[in-house]
Amino acid sequence: MSLDELREEIRTIDREIVEKIAQRTYVADTIAQVKAERDLPTTDEEQEQAVMDRAGENAERFDVDANLVKAMFRLLIELNKVKQRESR
């Protein structure tokens, strides 16, 4: 593959990553609505740990740095929690 073709592949992957983040955010927003309706707390430490554990397992499965993947998921979780708190 040429350099331009490889860069095009990266652009496609980047778009797909952003699309997946948008999908995840939509579902997280829906979860926030359910939590608000049921008067549940914003933070669920057990669920957060399960997400982090899955992130680490998936990183290992795909031979990606687990610390990097967990840091990305920690950021996604924190952004969702901030958004949930603001919407209450």
N, C-alpha and C. Protein backbone atom coordinates (compact mmCIF):
# COMPACT_ATOMS: atom_id res chain seq x y z
N MET A 1 0.84 -1.19 0.00
CA MET A 1 0.00 0.00 0.00
C MET A 1 0.88 1.24 0.00
N SER A 2 0.38 2.27 -0.63
CA SER A 2 1.12 3.53 -0.65
C SER A 2 0.87 4.29 0.65
N LEU A 3 1.69 5.29 0.88
CA LEU A 3 1.53 6.13 2.07
C LEU A 3 0.16 6.80 2.07
N ASP A 4 -0.26 7.29 0.92
CA ASP A 4 -1.59 7.93 0.84
C ASP A 4 -2.71 6.95 1.16
N GLU A 5 -2.58 5.73 0.68
CA GLU A 5 -3.60 4.72 0.96
C GLU A 5 -3.63 4.38 2.45
N LEU A 6 -2.47 4.27 3.05
CA LEU A 6 -2.40 3.99 4.48
C LEU A 6 -3.00 5.12 5.29
N ARG A 7 -2.71 6.35 4.88
CA ARG A 7 -3.28 7.51 5.59
C ARG A 7 -4.80 7.56 5.42
N GLU A 8 -5.28 7.17 4.27
CA GLU A 8 -6.73 7.12 4.06
C GLU A 8 -7.35 6.06 4.97
N GLU A 9 -6.67 4.96 5.13
CA GLU A 9 -7.17 3.92 6.04
C GLU A 9 -7.23 4.44 7.48
N ILE A 10 -6.21 5.19 7.89
CA ILE A 10 -6.22 5.81 9.22
C ILE A 10 -7.38 6.78 9.35
N ARG A 11 -7.63 7.59 8.33
CA ARG A 11 -8.76 8.54 8.38
C ARG A 11 -10.08 7.80 8.55
N THR A 12 -10.23 6.70 7.85
CA THR A 12 -11.45 5.90 7.97
C THR A 12 -11.59 5.33 9.38
N ILE A 13 -10.51 4.79 9.91
CA ILE A 13 -10.53 4.24 11.27
C ILE A 13 -10.84 5.33 12.29
N ASP A 14 -10.23 6.51 12.13
CA ASP A 14 -10.49 7.63 13.04
C ASP A 14 -11.97 8.00 13.05
N ARG A 15 -12.57 8.04 11.87
CA ARG A 15 -14.00 8.36 11.78
C ARG A 15 -14.83 7.29 12.48
N GLU A 16 -14.45 6.04 12.30
CA GLU A 16 -15.18 4.94 12.95
C GLU A 16 -15.04 5.00 14.46
N ILE A 17 -13.87 5.39 14.95
CA ILE A 17 -13.67 5.53 16.40
C ILE A 17 -14.61 6.61 16.94
N VAL A 18 -14.66 7.74 16.26
CA VAL A 18 -15.54 8.83 16.70
C VAL A 18 -17.00 8.40 16.64
N GLU A 19 -17.36 7.66 15.61
CA GLU A 19 -18.73 7.15 15.51
C GLU A 19 -19.06 6.24 16.68
N LYS A 20 -18.15 5.38 17.07
CA LYS A 20 -18.37 4.48 18.21
C LYS A 20 -18.46 5.26 19.52
N ILE A 21 -17.66 6.31 19.66
CA ILE A 21 -17.75 7.16 20.85
C ILE A 21 -19.12 7.83 20.90
N ALA A 22 -19.60 8.29 19.76
CA ALA A 22 -20.93 8.92 19.71
C ALA A 22 -22.02 7.91 20.09
N GLN A 23 -21.91 6.69 19.60
CA GLN A 23 -22.89 5.65 19.96
C GLN A 23 -22.84 5.35 21.45
N ARG A 24 -21.63 5.25 21.98
CA ARG A 24 -21.48 4.97 23.41
C ARG A 24 -22.06 6.10 24.24
N THR A 25 -21.82 7.32 23.82
CA THR A 25 -22.33 8.50 24.53
C THR A 25 -23.86 8.51 24.52
N TYR A 26 -24.46 8.16 23.40
CA TYR A 26 -25.92 8.10 23.31
C TYR A 26 -26.48 7.09 24.31
N VAL A 27 -25.87 5.92 24.37
CA VAL A 27 -26.34 4.89 25.31
C VAL A 27 -26.12 5.36 26.75
N ALA A 28 -24.97 5.98 27.02
CA ALA A 28 -24.69 6.50 28.36
C ALA A 28 -25.71 7.57 28.75
N ASP A 29 -26.10 8.41 27.79
CA ASP A 29 -27.12 9.43 28.07
C ASP A 29 -28.45 8.77 28.42
N THR A 30 -28.77 7.70 27.73
CA THR A 30 -30.01 6.97 28.02
C THR A 30 -29.95 6.35 29.40
N ILE A 31 -28.79 5.81 29.76
CA ILE A 31 -28.61 5.26 31.11
C ILE A 31 -28.79 6.36 32.14
N ALA A 32 -28.26 7.54 31.87
CA ALA A 32 -28.40 8.67 32.80
C ALA A 32 -29.87 9.03 33.00
N GLN A 33 -30.66 8.98 31.93
CA GLN A 33 -32.09 9.27 32.05
C GLN A 33 -32.77 8.24 32.94
N VAL A 34 -32.44 6.97 32.74
CA VAL A 34 -33.04 5.91 33.56
C VAL A 34 -32.64 6.09 35.02
N LYS A 35 -31.36 6.42 35.27
CA LYS A 35 -30.91 6.65 36.64
C LYS A 35 -31.67 7.81 37.28
N ALA A 36 -31.87 8.87 36.52
CA ALA A 36 -32.58 10.04 37.05
C ALA A 36 -34.04 9.68 37.36
N GLU A 37 -34.68 8.96 36.45
CA GLU A 37 -36.07 8.56 36.66
C GLU A 37 -36.23 7.66 37.89
N ARG A 38 -35.24 6.85 38.15
CA ARG A 38 -35.30 5.91 39.27
C ARG A 38 -34.59 6.43 40.51
N ASP A 39 -34.16 7.69 40.44
CA ASP A 39 -33.46 8.35 41.54
C ASP A 39 -32.25 7.53 42.00
N LEU A 40 -31.48 7.04 41.03
CA LEU A 40 -30.27 6.28 41.32
C LEU A 40 -29.06 7.22 41.28
N PRO A 41 -28.01 6.90 42.01
CA PRO A 41 -26.82 7.77 42.00
C PRO A 41 -26.13 7.77 40.64
N THR A 42 -25.45 8.86 40.35
CA THR A 42 -24.70 8.99 39.10
C THR A 42 -23.58 7.97 39.03
N THR A 43 -22.89 7.80 40.15
CA THR A 43 -21.72 6.92 40.18
C THR A 43 -22.11 5.52 40.62
N ASP A 44 -21.62 4.54 39.85
CA ASP A 44 -21.79 3.13 40.18
C ASP A 44 -20.39 2.51 40.09
N GLU A 45 -19.70 2.50 41.21
CA GLU A 45 -18.30 2.06 41.21
C GLU A 45 -18.13 0.62 40.74
N GLU A 46 -19.07 -0.24 41.07
CA GLU A 46 -18.99 -1.63 40.63
C GLU A 46 -19.05 -1.72 39.11
N GLN A 47 -19.96 -0.96 38.51
CA GLN A 47 -20.09 -0.96 37.05
C GLN A 47 -18.85 -0.34 36.40
N GLU A 48 -18.35 0.73 36.99
CA GLU A 48 -17.14 1.36 36.45
C GLU A 48 -15.97 0.38 36.47
N GLN A 49 -15.84 -0.37 37.55
CA GLN A 49 -14.75 -1.35 37.63
C GLN A 49 -14.93 -2.44 36.59
N ALA A 50 -16.17 -2.86 36.36
CA ALA A 50 -16.44 -3.88 35.34
C ALA A 50 -16.04 -3.36 33.95
N VAL A 51 -16.33 -2.08 33.68
CA VAL A 51 -15.94 -1.47 32.40
C VAL A 51 -14.42 -1.45 32.27
N MET A 52 -13.74 -1.06 33.34
CA MET A 52 -12.28 -0.98 33.30
C MET A 52 -11.67 -2.38 33.13
N ASP A 53 -12.24 -3.36 33.80
CA ASP A 53 -11.75 -4.73 33.66
C ASP A 53 -11.91 -5.22 32.22
N ARG A 54 -13.08 -4.95 31.63
CA ARG A 54 -13.31 -5.34 30.23
C ARG A 54 -12.35 -4.62 29.30
N ALA A 55 -12.12 -3.35 29.57
CA ALA A 55 -11.20 -2.58 28.73
C ALA A 55 -9.80 -3.20 28.75
N GLY A 56 -9.35 -3.57 29.94
CA GLY A 56 -8.04 -4.21 30.05
C GLY A 56 -7.99 -5.56 29.35
N GLU A 57 -9.05 -6.34 29.51
CA GLU A 57 -9.11 -7.65 28.84
C GLU A 57 -9.11 -7.50 27.33
N ASN A 58 -9.90 -6.56 26.83
CA ASN A 58 -9.94 -6.33 25.38
C ASN A 58 -8.61 -5.83 24.86
N ALA A 59 -7.94 -4.99 25.63
CA ALA A 59 -6.62 -4.49 25.22
C ALA A 59 -5.65 -5.66 25.07
N GLU A 60 -5.65 -6.54 26.05
CA GLU A 60 -4.76 -7.69 25.98
C GLU A 60 -5.11 -8.60 24.81
N ARG A 61 -6.40 -8.77 24.59
CA ARG A 61 -6.86 -9.62 23.49
C ARG A 61 -6.37 -9.12 22.14
N PHE A 62 -6.33 -7.79 21.98
CA PHE A 62 -5.92 -7.20 20.71
C PHE A 62 -4.47 -6.69 20.74
N ASP A 63 -3.74 -7.06 21.79
CA ASP A 63 -2.32 -6.70 21.92
C ASP A 63 -2.10 -5.19 21.83
N VAL A 64 -2.89 -4.48 22.63
CA VAL A 64 -2.79 -3.02 22.73
C VAL A 64 -2.42 -2.70 24.18
N ASP A 65 -1.70 -1.63 24.39
CA ASP A 65 -1.28 -1.22 25.73
C ASP A 65 -2.50 -1.05 26.63
N ALA A 66 -2.62 -1.90 27.65
CA ALA A 66 -3.79 -1.88 28.54
C ALA A 66 -3.90 -0.57 29.30
N ASN A 67 -2.77 0.01 29.70
CA ASN A 67 -2.82 1.28 30.42
C ASN A 67 -3.39 2.40 29.56
N LEU A 68 -3.03 2.41 28.29
CA LEU A 68 -3.56 3.42 27.37
C LEU A 68 -5.06 3.24 27.19
N VAL A 69 -5.48 2.01 26.97
CA VAL A 69 -6.91 1.74 26.76
C VAL A 69 -7.71 2.09 28.02
N LYS A 70 -7.19 1.72 29.17
CA LYS A 70 -7.89 2.04 30.42
C LYS A 70 -7.96 3.54 30.64
N ALA A 71 -6.92 4.26 30.28
CA ALA A 71 -6.94 5.72 30.41
C ALA A 71 -8.02 6.33 29.51
N MET A 72 -8.16 5.80 28.32
CA MET A 72 -9.20 6.30 27.42
C MET A 72 -10.59 6.03 27.98
N PHE A 73 -10.78 4.84 28.52
CA PHE A 73 -12.09 4.51 29.10
C PHE A 73 -12.36 5.31 30.36
N ARG A 74 -11.33 5.56 31.16
CA ARG A 74 -11.50 6.39 32.35
C ARG A 74 -11.99 7.78 31.94
N LEU A 75 -11.41 8.33 30.87
CA LEU A 75 -11.83 9.63 30.37
C LEU A 75 -13.28 9.59 29.90
N LEU A 76 -13.66 8.57 29.16
CA LEU A 76 -15.05 8.44 28.70
C LEU A 76 -16.01 8.36 29.88
N ILE A 77 -15.66 7.58 30.88
CA ILE A 77 -16.51 7.44 32.07
C ILE A 77 -16.64 8.78 32.78
N GLU A 78 -15.54 9.46 32.99
CA GLU A 78 -15.58 10.75 33.70
C GLU A 78 -16.39 11.78 32.93
N LEU A 79 -16.24 11.83 31.63
CA LEU A 79 -17.02 12.78 30.82
C LEU A 79 -18.51 12.47 30.92
N ASN A 80 -18.87 11.19 30.92
CA ASN A 80 -20.27 10.82 31.05
C ASN A 80 -20.82 11.19 32.42
N LYS A 81 -20.02 11.00 33.46
CA LYS A 81 -20.48 11.35 34.81
C LYS A 81 -20.67 12.86 34.95
N VAL A 82 -19.78 13.65 34.39
CA VAL A 82 -19.93 15.11 34.43
C VAL A 82 -21.22 15.49 33.72
N LYS A 83 -21.45 14.92 32.57
CA LYS A 83 -22.67 15.22 31.81
C LYS A 83 -23.92 14.82 32.60
N GLN A 84 -23.87 13.66 33.27
CA GLN A 84 -25.01 13.22 34.08
C GLN A 84 -25.28 14.19 35.22
N ARG A 85 -24.22 14.62 35.89
CA ARG A 85 -24.39 15.55 37.01
C ARG A 85 -24.98 16.88 36.54
N GLU A 86 -24.52 17.34 35.39
CA GLU A 86 -25.01 18.62 34.86
C GLU A 86 -26.48 18.56 34.47
N SER A 87 -26.93 17.38 34.04
CA SER A 87 -28.31 17.26 33.57
C SER A 87 -29.31 17.06 34.69
N ARG A 88 -28.82 16.89 35.91
CA ARG A 88 -29.74 16.67 37.04
C ARG A 88 -30.15 17.97 37.68
